[in-house]
Amino acid sequence: MKAEYDFSQAKRGAVIPQTGKTRITIYIDDDVLEIFREQSESAAKGYQSLMNEALRQYLEKVKQPLDEETLRRVIQEELQELRAAK
């Protein structure tokens, strides 16, 4: 192994795209996010995965497109269920 390497001509490698997922930015109420983060600790899953699962469960239940108003309502319903389970 060399003591020193020259990276002056280095180029960043291509980023491998992830299929089946899209990175987005959304605003989530602080209390909603905190509950999902708390649940993620006990579920041994990331809070984003739990949020995704909650949205999938809702979509399976209603079989309709999800708009912003519906998303807010779903999150509030999930919060109520989580609070009741505590």
Protein backbone atom coordinates (compact mmCIF):
# COMPACT_ATOMS: atom_id res chain seq x y z
CA MET A 1 0.00 0.00 0.00
CA LYS A 2 1.32 3.43 -0.89
CA ALA A 3 1.95 5.98 1.82
CA GLU A 4 0.16 8.62 -0.25
CA TYR A 5 -2.28 8.57 -3.19
CA ASP A 6 -2.93 11.24 -5.84
CA PHE A 7 -6.66 11.92 -6.26
CA SER A 8 -6.23 15.12 -8.29
CA GLN A 9 -7.50 13.44 -11.48
CA ALA A 10 -10.13 11.29 -9.75
CA LYS A 11 -13.74 11.32 -10.94
CA ARG A 12 -16.75 10.45 -8.90
CA GLY A 13 -18.26 7.09 -9.80
CA ALA A 14 -21.77 6.73 -11.14
CA VAL A 15 -24.49 6.54 -8.54
CA ILE A 16 -26.40 3.30 -8.80
CA PRO A 17 -30.10 4.16 -9.10
CA GLN A 18 -32.45 2.49 -6.67
CA THR A 19 -35.39 0.87 -8.39
CA GLY A 20 -38.87 0.90 -6.95
CA LYS A 21 -38.31 3.89 -4.68
CA THR A 22 -38.31 7.64 -5.22
CA ARG A 23 -36.68 10.22 -2.98
CA ILE A 24 -39.07 13.06 -2.11
CA THR A 25 -39.18 15.90 0.37
CA ILE A 26 -42.35 16.36 2.42
CA TYR A 27 -43.24 18.23 5.56
CA ILE A 28 -44.50 16.04 8.40
CA ASP A 29 -45.86 17.44 11.64
CA ASP A 30 -43.33 17.17 14.45
CA ASP A 31 -45.62 15.12 16.68
CA VAL A 32 -46.36 12.68 13.87
CA LEU A 33 -42.69 12.22 13.09
CA GLU A 34 -41.83 11.72 16.77
CA ILE A 35 -44.41 8.96 17.14
CA PHE A 36 -43.11 7.11 14.09
CA ARG A 37 -39.54 7.47 15.36
CA GLU A 38 -40.55 6.08 18.76
CA GLN A 39 -42.35 3.18 17.11
CA SER A 40 -39.35 2.47 14.91
CA GLU A 41 -37.16 1.82 17.94
CA SER A 42 -39.44 -0.93 19.21
CA ALA A 43 -40.22 -2.30 15.74
CA ALA A 44 -36.55 -2.56 14.71
CA LYS A 45 -37.43 -0.81 11.44
CA GLY A 46 -36.76 2.68 10.21
CA TYR A 47 -39.44 5.30 10.75
CA GLN A 48 -39.66 5.90 6.99
CA SER A 49 -40.40 2.21 6.44
CA LEU A 50 -43.15 2.38 9.06
CA MET A 51 -44.66 5.44 7.40
CA ASN A 52 -44.55 3.68 4.04
CA GLU A 53 -46.27 0.63 5.52
CA ALA A 54 -48.99 2.82 7.10
CA LEU A 55 -49.65 4.46 3.74
CA ARG A 56 -49.77 1.08 1.97
CA GLN A 57 -52.23 -0.29 4.52
CA TYR A 58 -54.45 2.71 4.03
CA LEU A 59 -54.31 2.47 0.25
CA GLU A 60 -55.25 -1.20 0.41
CA LYS A 61 -58.17 -0.33 2.64
CA VAL A 62 -59.65 2.45 0.51
CA LYS A 63 -58.38 1.64 -2.99
CA GLN A 64 -58.38 5.29 -4.02
CA PRO A 65 -55.74 7.83 -5.03
CA LEU A 66 -53.94 9.56 -2.21
CA ASP A 67 -53.98 13.36 -2.26
CA GLU A 68 -52.51 15.75 0.34
CA GLU A 69 -55.74 16.06 2.32
CA THR A 70 -56.16 12.30 2.44
CA LEU A 71 -52.52 11.84 3.44
CA ARG A 72 -52.95 14.20 6.38
CA ARG A 73 -56.11 12.39 7.46
CA VAL A 74 -54.40 8.99 7.22
CA ILE A 75 -51.47 10.15 9.32
CA GLN A 76 -53.82 11.56 11.95
CA GLU A 77 -55.77 8.27 12.05
CA GLU A 78 -52.56 6.30 12.45
CA LEU A 79 -51.48 8.64 15.25
CA GLN A 80 -54.76 8.12 17.08
CA GLU A 81 -54.33 4.34 16.82
CA LEU A 82 -50.74 4.53 18.05
CA ARG A 83 -51.72 6.74 20.97
CA ALA A 84 -54.57 4.41 21.90
CA ALA A 85 -52.19 1.43 21.83
CA LYS A 86 -49.86 3.03 24.38
